[in-house]
């Protein structure tokens, strides 16, 4: 993002945060730097993040999948806060004059207080048994409820660890005594998730896979060669 864009959207983050209130987290993620990260945040207590936090798994996937090329935004998908609360999340794609993605403006809404209040009101209006059987406040709205929820990270280490755990679970690969081919498969799956766009992710993944950063780079180079026709 240009300095002018950064200043303008940072002011917008502050404005929206103060206007919408403490249950709405507003986040600006700057993708134009060598280390993409949170450039501005309002009401960061919702996810527990601060300026400098790494990209979320959803943000990395958006970039890797090039979803921004055919869409202007993604709205109403699930996020999961550090305290385990479900959030309603939406992301607006900030593009430059050439259509290249330069930033993300995200709004994450914690509606738990309102759902709890609604449930109490229903309980006051109806017998407990009737309310339990006939009235339910859905904790999972959203158009993407079957997808992996957005996860919010405070460090590169936590981002790499979460992505690695997700890959290991989905691929059913044993965690002990990994072969070279299994390690390369894991690296390939992590690369598809966009993990290696995070500065320092190579080192973190190498440590978890008990190999050197140079090995990770070799795996990535080999995978890139194999993708070419």
C-alpha atoms as a PDB file:
ATOM      1  CA  UNK A   1       0.000   0.000   0.000  1.00  0.00           C
ATOM      2  CA  UNK A   2       1.185   3.517  -0.707  1.00  0.00           C
ATOM      3  CA  UNK A   3       1.758   5.806   2.257  1.00  0.00           C
ATOM      4  CA  UNK A   4      -1.323   7.839   1.285  1.00  0.00           C
ATOM      5  CA  UNK A   5      -3.496   4.710   1.152  1.00  0.00           C
ATOM      6  CA  UNK A   6      -2.100   3.508   4.448  1.00  0.00           C
ATOM      7  CA  UNK A   7      -2.913   6.789   6.169  1.00  0.00           C
ATOM      8  CA  UNK A   8      -6.399   6.925   4.688  1.00  0.00           C
ATOM      9  CA  UNK A   9      -7.341   3.363   5.643  1.00  0.00           C
ATOM     10  CA  UNK A  10      -5.751   3.694   9.091  1.00  0.00           C
ATOM     11  CA  UNK A  11      -8.038   6.664   9.723  1.00  0.00           C
ATOM     12  CA  UNK A  12     -10.979   4.592   8.460  1.00  0.00           C
ATOM     13  CA  UNK A  13     -10.100   1.784  10.900  1.00  0.00           C
ATOM     14  CA  UNK A  14     -10.186   4.231  13.809  1.00  0.00           C
ATOM     15  CA  UNK A  15     -13.448   5.793  12.586  1.00  0.00           C
ATOM     16  CA  UNK A  16     -15.244   2.455  12.152  1.00  0.00           C
ATOM     17  CA  UNK A  17     -13.964   1.150  15.470  1.00  0.00           C
ATOM     18  CA  UNK A  18     -15.287   4.133  17.384  1.00  0.00           C
ATOM     19  CA  UNK A  19     -18.545   4.239  15.403  1.00  0.00           C
ATOM     20  CA  UNK A  20     -19.497   0.556  15.556  1.00  0.00           C
ATOM     21  CA  UNK A  21     -18.394  -0.009  19.147  1.00  0.00           C
ATOM     22  CA  UNK A  22     -16.305  -2.470  21.167  1.00  0.00           C
ATOM     23  CA  UNK A  23     -17.862  -5.665  19.780  1.00  0.00           C
ATOM     24  CA  UNK A  24     -16.534  -4.890  16.290  1.00  0.00           C
ATOM     25  CA  UNK A  25     -12.872  -5.428  15.553  1.00  0.00           C
ATOM     26  CA  UNK A  26     -11.631  -3.462  12.534  1.00  0.00           C
ATOM     27  CA  UNK A  27      -8.326  -4.581  11.009  1.00  0.00           C
ATOM     28  CA  UNK A  28      -6.139  -3.258   8.197  1.00  0.00           C
ATOM     29  CA  UNK A  29      -3.645  -5.767   6.811  1.00  0.00           C
ATOM     30  CA  UNK A  30      -0.904  -4.320   4.634  1.00  0.00           C
ATOM     31  CA  UNK A  31       0.255  -6.772   1.972  1.00  0.00           C
ATOM     32  CA  UNK A  32       2.702  -4.468   0.255  1.00  0.00           C
ATOM     33  CA  UNK A  33       5.537  -5.088   2.702  1.00  0.00           C
ATOM     34  CA  UNK A  34       8.093  -7.900   2.786  1.00  0.00           C
ATOM     35  CA  UNK A  35       6.368  -9.027   5.959  1.00  0.00           C
ATOM     36  CA  UNK A  36       2.571  -8.780   5.434  1.00  0.00           C
ATOM     37  CA  UNK A  37       0.949  -8.020   8.760  1.00  0.00           C
ATOM     38  CA  UNK A  38      -1.640  -5.999  10.669  1.00  0.00           C
ATOM     39  CA  UNK A  39      -0.949  -2.323  10.014  1.00  0.00           C
ATOM     40  CA  UNK A  40      -3.820  -0.866  12.066  1.00  0.00           C
ATOM     41  CA  UNK A  41      -6.425  -2.314  14.406  1.00  0.00           C
ATOM     42  CA  UNK A  42      -9.341  -1.058  16.476  1.00  0.00           C
ATOM     43  CA  UNK A  43     -10.875  -3.071  19.326  1.00  0.00           C
ATOM     44  CA  UNK A  44      -8.148  -5.664  19.090  1.00  0.00           C
ATOM     45  CA  UNK A  45      -9.384  -7.300  22.291  1.00  0.00           C
ATOM     46  CA  UNK A  46     -11.929  -9.174  20.130  1.00  0.00           C
ATOM     47  CA  UNK A  47      -9.236 -11.419  18.625  1.00  0.00           C
ATOM     48  CA  UNK A  48      -6.396 -10.575  21.005  1.00  0.00           C
ATOM     49  CA  UNK A  49      -4.173  -9.108  18.290  1.00  0.00           C
ATOM     50  CA  UNK A  50      -2.100  -5.948  18.001  1.00  0.00           C
ATOM     51  CA  UNK A  51      -0.308  -4.089  15.210  1.00  0.00           C
ATOM     52  CA  UNK A  52       2.337  -6.350  13.655  1.00  0.00           C
ATOM     53  CA  UNK A  53       0.357  -9.591  14.072  1.00  0.00           C
ATOM     54  CA  UNK A  54       0.690 -11.985  11.104  1.00  0.00           C
ATOM     55  CA  UNK A  55      -1.965 -12.738   8.499  1.00  0.00           C
ATOM     56  CA  UNK A  56      -4.806 -15.100   9.360  1.00  0.00           C
ATOM     57  CA  UNK A  57      -5.247 -18.462   7.669  1.00  0.00           C
ATOM     58  CA  UNK A  58      -8.169 -17.003   5.679  1.00  0.00           C
ATOM     59  CA  UNK A  59      -6.113 -14.039   4.476  1.00  0.00           C
ATOM     60  CA  UNK A  60      -3.324 -16.347   3.324  1.00  0.00           C
ATOM     61  CA  UNK A  61      -5.829 -18.552   1.496  1.00  0.00           C
ATOM     62  CA  UNK A  62      -7.436 -15.540  -0.231  1.00  0.00           C
ATOM     63  CA  UNK A  63      -4.030 -14.482  -1.545  1.00  0.00           C
ATOM     64  CA  UNK A  64      -3.005 -17.987  -2.589  1.00  0.00           C
ATOM     65  CA  UNK A  65      -6.326 -18.723  -4.336  1.00  0.00           C
ATOM     66  CA  UNK A  66      -6.416 -15.287  -6.046  1.00  0.00           C
ATOM     67  CA  UNK A  67     -10.034 -14.932  -4.864  1.00  0.00           C
ATOM     68  CA  UNK A  68      -9.655 -11.152  -5.044  1.00  0.00           C
ATOM     69  CA  UNK A  69      -9.351 -11.285  -8.840  1.00  0.00           C
ATOM     70  CA  UNK A  70     -13.047 -12.121  -9.309  1.00  0.00           C
ATOM     71  CA  UNK A  71     -14.515 -10.693  -6.088  1.00  0.00           C
ATOM     72  CA  UNK A  72     -14.440  -7.392  -4.249  1.00  0.00           C
ATOM     73  CA  UNK A  73     -15.000  -8.945  -0.819  1.00  0.00           C
ATOM     74  CA  UNK A  74     -15.920 -11.999   1.214  1.00  0.00           C
ATOM     75  CA  UNK A  75     -18.643 -11.536   3.802  1.00  0.00           C
ATOM     76  CA  UNK A  76     -20.220 -13.388   6.702  1.00  0.00           C
ATOM     77  CA  UNK A  77     -17.830 -16.244   7.314  1.00  0.00           C
ATOM     78  CA  UNK A  78     -16.803 -17.730  10.638  1.00  0.00           C
ATOM     79  CA  UNK A  79     -13.849 -16.761  12.756  1.00  0.00           C
ATOM     80  CA  UNK A  80     -12.691 -18.233  16.036  1.00  0.00           C
ATOM     81  CA  UNK A  81     -11.251 -15.903  18.664  1.00  0.00           C
ATOM     82  CA  UNK A  82      -8.439 -16.860  21.019  1.00  0.00           C
ATOM     83  CA  UNK A  83     -11.036 -17.335  23.776  1.00  0.00           C
ATOM     84  CA  UNK A  84     -13.029 -19.736  21.594  1.00  0.00           C
ATOM     85  CA  UNK A  85     -15.856 -17.372  20.644  1.00  0.00           C
ATOM     86  CA  UNK A  86     -17.336 -17.571  17.159  1.00  0.00           C
ATOM     87  CA  UNK A  87     -17.078 -14.321  15.218  1.00  0.00           C
ATOM     88  CA  UNK A  88     -18.899 -13.058  12.135  1.00  0.00           C
ATOM     89  CA  UNK A  89     -16.151 -11.969   9.740  1.00  0.00           C
ATOM     90  CA  UNK A  90     -16.043 -10.002   6.508  1.00  0.00           C
ATOM     91  CA  UNK A  91     -13.104  -8.855   4.397  1.00  0.00           C
ATOM     92  CA  UNK A  92     -12.893  -6.105   1.774  1.00  0.00           C
ATOM     93  CA  UNK A  93     -10.132  -6.407  -0.833  1.00  0.00           C
ATOM     94  CA  UNK A  94      -8.041  -3.261  -1.278  1.00  0.00           C
ATOM     95  CA  UNK A  95      -6.562  -3.139  -4.775  1.00  0.00           C
ATOM     96  CA  UNK A  96      -4.283  -0.694  -6.555  1.00  0.00           C
ATOM     97  CA  UNK A  97      -5.025   0.934  -9.911  1.00  0.00           C
ATOM     98  CA  UNK A  98      -3.803  -2.191 -11.720  1.00  0.00           C
ATOM     99  CA  UNK A  99      -6.063  -4.555  -9.791  1.00  0.00           C
ATOM    100  CA  UNK A 100      -3.240  -6.008  -7.688  1.00  0.00           C
ATOM    101  CA  UNK A 101      -4.120  -6.802  -4.083  1.00  0.00           C
ATOM    102  CA  UNK A 102      -2.372  -4.395  -1.717  1.00  0.00           C
ATOM    103  CA  UNK A 103      -4.344  -4.736   1.501  1.00  0.00           C
ATOM    104  CA  UNK A 104      -7.318  -6.194   3.357  1.00  0.00           C
ATOM    105  CA  UNK A 105      -9.885  -4.356   5.458  1.00  0.00           C
ATOM    106  CA  UNK A 106     -11.550  -6.789   7.860  1.00  0.00           C
ATOM    107  CA  UNK A 107     -14.493  -6.491  10.243  1.00  0.00           C
ATOM    108  CA  UNK A 108     -14.895  -9.185  12.907  1.00  0.00           C
ATOM    109  CA  UNK A 109     -18.073  -9.032  14.984  1.00  0.00           C
ATOM    110  CA  UNK A 110     -18.448 -10.746  18.360  1.00  0.00           C
ATOM    111  CA  UNK A 111     -22.215 -11.137  18.777  1.00  0.00           C
ATOM    112  CA  UNK A 112     -22.037 -13.404  21.843  1.00  0.00           C
ATOM    113  CA  UNK A 113     -23.409 -10.760  24.210  1.00  0.00           C
ATOM    114  CA  UNK A 114     -26.495 -10.280  22.058  1.00  0.00           C
ATOM    115  CA  UNK A 115     -27.124 -13.990  21.647  1.00  0.00           C
ATOM    116  CA  UNK A 116     -26.863 -14.495  25.401  1.00  0.00           C
ATOM    117  CA  UNK A 117     -29.266 -11.595  26.003  1.00  0.00           C
ATOM    118  CA  UNK A 118     -31.738 -12.976  23.453  1.00  0.00           C
ATOM    119  CA  UNK A 119     -31.699 -16.384  25.109  1.00  0.00           C
ATOM    120  CA  UNK A 120     -32.396 -14.814  28.508  1.00  0.00           C
ATOM    121  CA  UNK A 121     -35.320 -12.813  27.095  1.00  0.00           C
ATOM    122  CA  UNK A 122     -36.840 -15.943  25.545  1.00  0.00           C
ATOM    123  CA  UNK A 123     -36.449 -17.752  28.851  1.00  0.00           C
ATOM    124  CA  UNK A 124     -38.285 -14.929  30.633  1.00  0.00           C
ATOM    125  CA  UNK A 125     -41.134 -15.013  28.105  1.00  0.00           C
ATOM    126  CA  UNK A 126     -41.594 -18.792  28.002  1.00  0.00           C
ATOM    127  CA  UNK A 127     -41.173 -21.752  30.349  1.00  0.00           C
ATOM    128  CA  UNK A 128     -37.638 -23.169  30.236  1.00  0.00           C
ATOM    129  CA  UNK A 129     -38.761 -26.448  28.667  1.00  0.00           C
ATOM    130  CA  UNK A 130     -40.650 -24.657  25.875  1.00  0.00           C
ATOM    131  CA  UNK A 131     -37.702 -22.368  25.146  1.00  0.00           C
ATOM    132  CA  UNK A 132     -35.246 -25.262  25.005  1.00  0.00           C
ATOM    133  CA  UNK A 133     -37.446 -27.230  22.590  1.00  0.00           C
ATOM    134  CA  UNK A 134     -38.681 -24.463  20.302  1.00  0.00           C
ATOM    135  CA  UNK A 135     -36.306 -21.512  20.382  1.00  0.00           C
ATOM    136  CA  UNK A 136     -32.646 -21.614  19.349  1.00  0.00           C
ATOM    137  CA  UNK A 137     -30.232 -18.776  18.715  1.00  0.00           C
ATOM    138  CA  UNK A 138     -27.822 -20.048  16.093  1.00  0.00           C
ATOM    139  CA  UNK A 139     -24.181 -19.557  16.951  1.00  0.00           C
ATOM    140  CA  UNK A 140     -23.105 -20.402  13.401  1.00  0.00           C
ATOM    141  CA  UNK A 141     -24.702 -18.304  10.714  1.00  0.00           C
ATOM    142  CA  UNK A 142     -22.838 -17.556   7.640  1.00  0.00           C
ATOM    143  CA  UNK A 143     -22.463 -18.699   4.143  1.00  0.00           C
ATOM    144  CA  UNK A 144     -19.174 -20.525   4.706  1.00  0.00           C
ATOM    145  CA  UNK A 145     -20.064 -22.531   7.806  1.00  0.00           C
ATOM    146  CA  UNK A 146     -18.611 -25.736   6.371  1.00  0.00           C
ATOM    147  CA  UNK A 147     -15.213 -24.121   5.774  1.00  0.00           C
ATOM    148  CA  UNK A 148     -12.363 -23.966   8.251  1.00  0.00           C
ATOM    149  CA  UNK A 149     -12.993 -20.963  10.528  1.00  0.00           C
ATOM    150  CA  UNK A 150     -10.651 -18.005  10.385  1.00  0.00           C
ATOM    151  CA  UNK A 151      -7.948 -18.180  13.039  1.00  0.00           C
ATOM    152  CA  UNK A 152      -6.223 -15.134  14.498  1.00  0.00           C
ATOM    153  CA  UNK A 153      -2.528 -15.282  15.375  1.00  0.00           C
ATOM    154  CA  UNK A 154      -0.313 -13.180  17.607  1.00  0.00           C
ATOM    155  CA  UNK A 155       2.943 -14.580  16.217  1.00  0.00           C
ATOM    156  CA  UNK A 156       4.482 -16.320  13.219  1.00  0.00           C
ATOM    157  CA  UNK A 157       5.114 -19.358  15.406  1.00  0.00           C
ATOM    158  CA  UNK A 158       1.427 -19.745  16.281  1.00  0.00           C
ATOM    159  CA  UNK A 159       0.402 -19.268  12.628  1.00  0.00           C
ATOM    160  CA  UNK A 160       2.861 -21.920  11.428  1.00  0.00           C
ATOM    161  CA  UNK A 161       1.906 -24.303  14.239  1.00  0.00           C
ATOM    162  CA  UNK A 162      -1.829 -24.006  13.488  1.00  0.00           C
ATOM    163  CA  UNK A 163      -1.347 -24.523   9.744  1.00  0.00           C
ATOM    164  CA  UNK A 164       0.968 -27.476  10.332  1.00  0.00           C
ATOM    165  CA  UNK A 165      -1.485 -29.114  12.725  1.00  0.00           C
ATOM    166  CA  UNK A 166      -4.334 -28.636  10.236  1.00  0.00           C
ATOM    167  CA  UNK A 167      -2.288 -30.205   7.430  1.00  0.00           C
ATOM    168  CA  UNK A 168      -1.152 -33.132   9.577  1.00  0.00           C
ATOM    169  CA  UNK A 169      -4.741 -33.865  10.614  1.00  0.00           C
ATOM    170  CA  UNK A 170      -6.189 -33.612   7.108  1.00  0.00           C
ATOM    171  CA  UNK A 171      -3.446 -35.658   5.468  1.00  0.00           C
ATOM    172  CA  UNK A 172      -3.400 -38.343   8.186  1.00  0.00           C
ATOM    173  CA  UNK A 173       0.387 -38.308   8.217  1.00  0.00           C
ATOM    174  CA  UNK A 174       2.048 -39.654  11.397  1.00  0.00           C
ATOM    175  CA  UNK A 175       3.985 -37.026  13.324  1.00  0.00           C
ATOM    176  CA  UNK A 176       6.927 -39.241  14.222  1.00  0.00           C
ATOM    177  CA  UNK A 177       9.664 -40.503  11.921  1.00  0.00           C
ATOM    178  CA  UNK A 178       8.547 -38.626   8.833  1.00  0.00           C
ATOM    179  CA  UNK A 179      10.143 -39.663   5.560  1.00  0.00           C
ATOM    180  CA  UNK A 180      11.581 -37.107   3.159  1.00  0.00           C
ATOM    181  CA  UNK A 181       8.632 -37.567   0.801  1.00  0.00           C
ATOM    182  CA  UNK A 182       6.152 -37.059   3.645  1.00  0.00           C
ATOM    183  CA  UNK A 183       7.940 -33.888   4.703  1.00  0.00           C
ATOM    184  CA  UNK A 184       7.792 -32.604   1.144  1.00  0.00           C
ATOM    185  CA  UNK A 185       4.076 -33.435   0.990  1.00  0.00           C
ATOM    186  CA  UNK A 186       3.511 -31.423   4.170  1.00  0.00           C
ATOM    187  CA  UNK A 187       5.525 -28.507   2.784  1.00  0.00           C
ATOM    188  CA  UNK A 188       3.438 -28.621  -0.398  1.00  0.00           C
ATOM    189  CA  UNK A 189       0.178 -28.494   1.557  1.00  0.00           C
ATOM    190  CA  UNK A 190       1.475 -25.626   3.694  1.00  0.00           C
ATOM    191  CA  UNK A 191       2.517 -23.788   0.549  1.00  0.00           C
ATOM    192  CA  UNK A 192      -1.020 -24.160  -0.826  1.00  0.00           C
ATOM    193  CA  UNK A 193      -2.268 -22.484   2.356  1.00  0.00           C
ATOM    194  CA  UNK A 194       0.091 -19.547   1.776  1.00  0.00           C
ATOM    195  CA  UNK A 195       2.047 -20.135   4.978  1.00  0.00           C
ATOM    196  CA  UNK A 196       5.439 -19.346   3.473  1.00  0.00           C
ATOM    197  CA  UNK A 197       4.479 -15.778   2.603  1.00  0.00           C
ATOM    198  CA  UNK A 198       4.955 -15.087   6.318  1.00  0.00           C
ATOM    199  CA  UNK A 199       8.471 -13.990   7.140  1.00  0.00           C
ATOM    200  CA  UNK A 200      10.045 -16.521   9.464  1.00  0.00           C
ATOM    201  CA  UNK A 201       7.610 -19.320   8.602  1.00  0.00           C
ATOM    202  CA  UNK A 202      10.332 -21.403   6.904  1.00  0.00           C
ATOM    203  CA  UNK A 203      12.359 -21.488  10.115  1.00  0.00           C
ATOM    204  CA  UNK A 204       9.324 -22.364  12.234  1.00  0.00           C
ATOM    205  CA  UNK A 205       8.227 -25.181   9.933  1.00  0.00           C
ATOM    206  CA  UNK A 206      11.768 -26.530   9.651  1.00  0.00           C
ATOM    207  CA  UNK A 207      12.003 -26.756  13.439  1.00  0.00           C
ATOM    208  CA  UNK A 208       8.674 -28.601  13.680  1.00  0.00           C
ATOM    209  CA  UNK A 209       9.681 -31.057  10.924  1.00  0.00           C
ATOM    210  CA  UNK A 210      13.139 -31.594  12.437  1.00  0.00           C
ATOM    211  CA  UNK A 211      15.012 -30.458   9.344  1.00  0.00           C
ATOM    212  CA  UNK A 212      16.958 -27.400   8.228  1.00  0.00           C
ATOM    213  CA  UNK A 213      15.495 -24.263   6.598  1.00  0.00           C
ATOM    214  CA  UNK A 214      17.641 -25.150   3.575  1.00  0.00           C
ATOM    215  CA  UNK A 215      15.710 -28.424   3.270  1.00  0.00           C
ATOM    216  CA  UNK A 216      12.399 -26.538   3.237  1.00  0.00           C
ATOM    217  CA  UNK A 217      13.685 -24.301   0.444  1.00  0.00           C
ATOM    218  CA  UNK A 218      14.789 -27.384  -1.504  1.00  0.00           C
ATOM    219  CA  UNK A 219      11.348 -28.943  -1.122  1.00  0.00           C
ATOM    220  CA  UNK A 220       9.699 -25.731  -2.323  1.00  0.00           C
ATOM    221  CA  UNK A 221      12.069 -25.505  -5.284  1.00  0.00           C
ATOM    222  CA  UNK A 222      11.378 -29.118  -6.240  1.00  0.00           C
ATOM    223  CA  UNK A 223       7.617 -28.625  -5.910  1.00  0.00           C
ATOM    224  CA  UNK A 224       7.778 -25.543  -8.133  1.00  0.00           C
ATOM    225  CA  UNK A 225       9.741 -27.452 -10.762  1.00  0.00           C
ATOM    226  CA  UNK A 226       7.241 -30.308 -10.718  1.00  0.00           C
ATOM    227  CA  UNK A 227       4.352 -27.889 -11.257  1.00  0.00           C
ATOM    228  CA  UNK A 228       5.815 -26.568 -14.484  1.00  0.00           C
ATOM    229  CA  UNK A 229       4.466 -28.216 -17.672  1.00  0.00           C
END
